[in-house]
Amino acid sequence: MGVLNSKTNSTAFTAFVQLENELVYAGSEVRGRVYLSLPSEVSATAFLLEVRGKEATAISYWIGEKNSSTFLARASCELLRIDIQLASCPSSKIGPGQFEFPFRFDLPATLPTTMSCRRGRSHCHVAYT
């Protein structure tokens, strides 16, 4: 699904998320694994998987007659926020090494589907990451 390369407190790491499900939808179970590569030891109390869903809208409109001003209104809203603890670190340190963390969670049945539409300067976009 995605790769994350990060540098936190002078420690570089690579994380990869792989889903078992090819298709996920509102109300379905999401299963997968997070693969983590730590080249050196890091200080950590836990590893979390953050799942986010966001809607963003921009609407272009005008006020008055033909030669009036055009306005652009923007809005966004968080539709989904799930934090999953993948592992705890009782010693507050982990690594170096290769790690694999399985996860599973249910998507709420009320979520809108991923979509994007555009008409002129107006657009709406719903995405999950």
C-alpha atoms as a PDB file:
ATOM      1  CA  MET A   1       0.000   0.000   0.000  1.00  0.00           C
ATOM      2  CA  GLY A   2       2.744   2.445   0.807  1.00  0.00           C
ATOM      3  CA  VAL A   3       6.287   3.054   1.963  1.00  0.00           C
ATOM      4  CA  LEU A   4       7.336   5.526   4.619  1.00  0.00           C
ATOM      5  CA  ASN A   5      10.897   6.703   4.903  1.00  0.00           C
ATOM      6  CA  SER A   6      11.453   8.859   7.922  1.00  0.00           C
ATOM      7  CA  LYS A   7      14.121  10.420  10.009  1.00  0.00           C
ATOM      8  CA  THR A   8      13.168  11.026  13.621  1.00  0.00           C
ATOM      9  CA  ASN A   9      15.648  12.127  16.270  1.00  0.00           C
ATOM     10  CA  SER A  10      18.547  11.373  13.875  1.00  0.00           C
ATOM     11  CA  THR A  11      17.358   7.788  13.324  1.00  0.00           C
ATOM     12  CA  ALA A  12      16.389   6.722   9.808  1.00  0.00           C
ATOM     13  CA  PHE A  13      13.871   3.920   9.235  1.00  0.00           C
ATOM     14  CA  THR A  14      11.742   2.445   6.469  1.00  0.00           C
ATOM     15  CA  ALA A  15       8.178   1.187   6.944  1.00  0.00           C
ATOM     16  CA  PHE A  16       5.979  -0.582   4.387  1.00  0.00           C
ATOM     17  CA  VAL A  17       2.245  -1.300   4.734  1.00  0.00           C
ATOM     18  CA  GLN A  18       0.804  -4.267   2.829  1.00  0.00           C
ATOM     19  CA  LEU A  19      -2.922  -5.027   2.780  1.00  0.00           C
ATOM     20  CA  GLU A  20      -4.259  -8.595   2.548  1.00  0.00           C
ATOM     21  CA  ASN A  21      -7.534  -7.338   1.039  1.00  0.00           C
ATOM     22  CA  GLU A  22      -7.400  -6.155  -2.565  1.00  0.00           C
ATOM     23  CA  LEU A  23     -10.604  -4.189  -2.096  1.00  0.00           C
ATOM     24  CA  VAL A  24     -11.852  -2.503   1.060  1.00  0.00           C
ATOM     25  CA  TYR A  25     -15.158  -0.722   1.513  1.00  0.00           C
ATOM     26  CA  ALA A  26     -17.337   0.762   4.253  1.00  0.00           C
ATOM     27  CA  GLY A  27     -18.201  -1.900   6.824  1.00  0.00           C
ATOM     28  CA  SER A  28     -15.445  -4.283   5.716  1.00  0.00           C
ATOM     29  CA  GLU A  29     -12.543  -5.699   7.703  1.00  0.00           C
ATOM     30  CA  VAL A  30      -9.086  -4.433   6.773  1.00  0.00           C
ATOM     31  CA  ARG A  31      -6.171  -6.810   7.369  1.00  0.00           C
ATOM     32  CA  GLY A  32      -2.520  -6.380   6.630  1.00  0.00           C
ATOM     33  CA  ARG A  33       1.014  -6.118   7.905  1.00  0.00           C
ATOM     34  CA  VAL A  34       3.456  -3.312   8.622  1.00  0.00           C
ATOM     35  CA  TYR A  35       7.089  -4.116   7.808  1.00  0.00           C
ATOM     36  CA  LEU A  36       9.630  -2.006   9.659  1.00  0.00           C
ATOM     37  CA  SER A  37      13.375  -1.811   9.020  1.00  0.00           C
ATOM     38  CA  LEU A  38      15.499  -0.177  11.733  1.00  0.00           C
ATOM     39  CA  PRO A  39      19.205   0.209  10.900  1.00  0.00           C
ATOM     40  CA  SER A  40      19.969   1.174  14.507  1.00  0.00           C
ATOM     41  CA  GLU A  41      18.347   1.090  17.926  1.00  0.00           C
ATOM     42  CA  VAL A  42      15.591   3.659  18.576  1.00  0.00           C
ATOM     43  CA  SER A  43      13.903   4.923  21.704  1.00  0.00           C
ATOM     44  CA  ALA A  44      10.187   4.157  21.598  1.00  0.00           C
ATOM     45  CA  THR A  45       7.409   3.228  23.994  1.00  0.00           C
ATOM     46  CA  ALA A  46       5.094   1.902  21.246  1.00  0.00           C
ATOM     47  CA  PHE A  47       4.573   1.601  17.498  1.00  0.00           C
ATOM     48  CA  LEU A  48       1.249   2.872  16.149  1.00  0.00           C
ATOM     49  CA  LEU A  49      -0.516   2.539  12.810  1.00  0.00           C
ATOM     50  CA  GLU A  50      -2.485   5.701  12.057  1.00  0.00           C
ATOM     51  CA  VAL A  51      -5.392   5.325   9.603  1.00  0.00           C
ATOM     52  CA  ARG A  52      -6.928   8.573   8.324  1.00  0.00           C
ATOM     53  CA  GLY A  53      -9.769   9.483   5.992  1.00  0.00           C
ATOM     54  CA  LYS A  54     -10.261  13.054   4.830  1.00  0.00           C
ATOM     55  CA  GLU A  55     -12.736  14.910   2.645  1.00  0.00           C
ATOM     56  CA  ALA A  56     -11.716  18.130   0.903  1.00  0.00           C
ATOM     57  CA  THR A  57     -13.964  20.433  -1.112  1.00  0.00           C
ATOM     58  CA  ALA A  58     -13.332  23.619  -3.092  1.00  0.00           C
ATOM     59  CA  ILE A  59     -16.208  25.501  -4.709  1.00  0.00           C
ATOM     60  CA  SER A  60     -15.767  28.324  -7.191  1.00  0.00           C
ATOM     61  CA  TYR A  61     -18.625  30.839  -7.290  1.00  0.00           C
ATOM     62  CA  TRP A  62     -19.326  34.450  -8.229  1.00  0.00           C
ATOM     63  CA  ILE A  63     -21.508  37.193  -6.886  1.00  0.00           C
ATOM     64  CA  GLY A  64     -23.348  39.677  -9.070  1.00  0.00           C
ATOM     65  CA  GLU A  65     -23.434  40.160 -12.816  1.00  0.00           C
ATOM     66  CA  LYS A  66     -21.048  38.900 -15.553  1.00  0.00           C
ATOM     67  CA  ASN A  67     -17.994  40.984 -14.595  1.00  0.00           C
ATOM     68  CA  SER A  68     -18.232  40.429 -10.845  1.00  0.00           C
ATOM     69  CA  SER A  69     -15.594  38.874  -8.606  1.00  0.00           C
ATOM     70  CA  THR A  70     -15.080  35.112  -8.462  1.00  0.00           C
ATOM     71  CA  PHE A  71     -14.588  33.479  -5.071  1.00  0.00           C
ATOM     72  CA  LEU A  72     -13.167  30.122  -4.066  1.00  0.00           C
ATOM     73  CA  ALA A  73     -14.438  28.523  -0.852  1.00  0.00           C
ATOM     74  CA  ARG A  74     -12.523  25.615   0.678  1.00  0.00           C
ATOM     75  CA  ALA A  75     -13.418  23.152   3.415  1.00  0.00           C
ATOM     76  CA  SER A  76     -12.130  19.834   4.699  1.00  0.00           C
ATOM     77  CA  CYS A  77     -13.250  17.325   7.262  1.00  0.00           C
ATOM     78  CA  GLU A  78     -11.664  14.280   8.881  1.00  0.00           C
ATOM     79  CA  LEU A  79     -13.981  11.327   8.214  1.00  0.00           C
ATOM     80  CA  LEU A  80     -11.934   8.583   9.809  1.00  0.00           C
ATOM     81  CA  ARG A  81      -9.302   8.395  12.514  1.00  0.00           C
ATOM     82  CA  ILE A  82      -8.178   5.002  13.801  1.00  0.00           C
ATOM     83  CA  ASP A  83      -4.989   4.499  15.814  1.00  0.00           C
ATOM     84  CA  ILE A  84      -3.842   0.901  16.236  1.00  0.00           C
ATOM     85  CA  GLN A  85      -1.061  -0.025  18.629  1.00  0.00           C
ATOM     86  CA  LEU A  86       1.113  -2.518  16.771  1.00  0.00           C
ATOM     87  CA  ALA A  87       3.615  -3.157  19.570  1.00  0.00           C
ATOM     88  CA  SER A  88       4.676  -1.850  22.938  1.00  0.00           C
ATOM     89  CA  CYS A  89       8.286  -1.455  24.015  1.00  0.00           C
ATOM     90  CA  PRO A  90       8.570  -2.109  27.770  1.00  0.00           C
ATOM     91  CA  SER A  91      12.301  -1.303  27.746  1.00  0.00           C
ATOM     92  CA  SER A  92      11.624   1.937  25.761  1.00  0.00           C
ATOM     93  CA  LYS A  93      14.080   0.756  23.083  1.00  0.00           C
ATOM     94  CA  ILE A  94      13.860  -1.430  19.979  1.00  0.00           C
ATOM     95  CA  GLY A  95      16.107  -2.506  17.141  1.00  0.00           C
ATOM     96  CA  PRO A  96      18.096  -2.662  15.075  1.00  0.00           C
ATOM     97  CA  GLY A  97      16.442  -5.230  12.854  1.00  0.00           C
ATOM     98  CA  GLN A  98      13.556  -6.185  10.569  1.00  0.00           C
ATOM     99  CA  PHE A  99      10.107  -6.296  12.178  1.00  0.00           C
ATOM    100  CA  GLU A 100       6.665  -7.419  11.009  1.00  0.00           C
ATOM    101  CA  PHE A 101       3.444  -6.286  12.701  1.00  0.00           C
ATOM    102  CA  PRO A 102       0.072  -7.768  11.673  1.00  0.00           C
ATOM    103  CA  PHE A 103      -3.055  -5.610  12.079  1.00  0.00           C
ATOM    104  CA  ARG A 104      -6.803  -5.746  11.524  1.00  0.00           C
ATOM    105  CA  PHE A 105      -9.659  -3.303  12.011  1.00  0.00           C
ATOM    106  CA  ASP A 106     -13.216  -2.756  10.797  1.00  0.00           C
ATOM    107  CA  LEU A 107     -14.130   0.271   8.707  1.00  0.00           C
ATOM    108  CA  PRO A 108     -17.301   2.029   9.888  1.00  0.00           C
ATOM    109  CA  ALA A 109     -20.306   1.121   7.717  1.00  0.00           C
ATOM    110  CA  THR A 110     -21.247   4.806   7.326  1.00  0.00           C
ATOM    111  CA  LEU A 111     -18.100   5.919   5.468  1.00  0.00           C
ATOM    112  CA  PRO A 112     -18.491   7.468   2.009  1.00  0.00           C
ATOM    113  CA  THR A 113     -16.590   5.840  -0.815  1.00  0.00           C
ATOM    114  CA  THR A 114     -13.312   7.202  -2.198  1.00  0.00           C
ATOM    115  CA  MET A 115     -14.160   9.651  -4.961  1.00  0.00           C
ATOM    116  CA  SER A 116     -13.010  12.689  -6.842  1.00  0.00           C
ATOM    117  CA  CYS A 117     -14.912  15.033  -9.153  1.00  0.00           C
ATOM    118  CA  ARG A 118     -14.124  18.343 -10.803  1.00  0.00           C
ATOM    119  CA  ARG A 119     -16.112  20.934 -12.723  1.00  0.00           C
ATOM    120  CA  GLY A 120     -14.219  24.034 -13.719  1.00  0.00           C
ATOM    121  CA  ARG A 121     -12.407  25.323 -10.641  1.00  0.00           C
ATOM    122  CA  SER A 122     -14.747  23.463  -8.246  1.00  0.00           C
ATOM    123  CA  HIS A 123     -13.779  20.024  -6.989  1.00  0.00           C
ATOM    124  CA  CYS A 124     -14.439  17.480  -4.262  1.00  0.00           C
ATOM    125  CA  HIS A 125     -12.121  14.697  -3.135  1.00  0.00           C
ATOM    126  CA  VAL A 126     -12.538  11.889  -0.555  1.00  0.00           C
ATOM    127  CA  ALA A 127      -9.472   9.719   0.180  1.00  0.00           C
ATOM    128  CA  TYR A 128      -8.195   7.342   2.838  1.00  0.00           C
ATOM    129  CA  THR A 129      -4.527   6.912   3.757  1.00  0.00           C
END
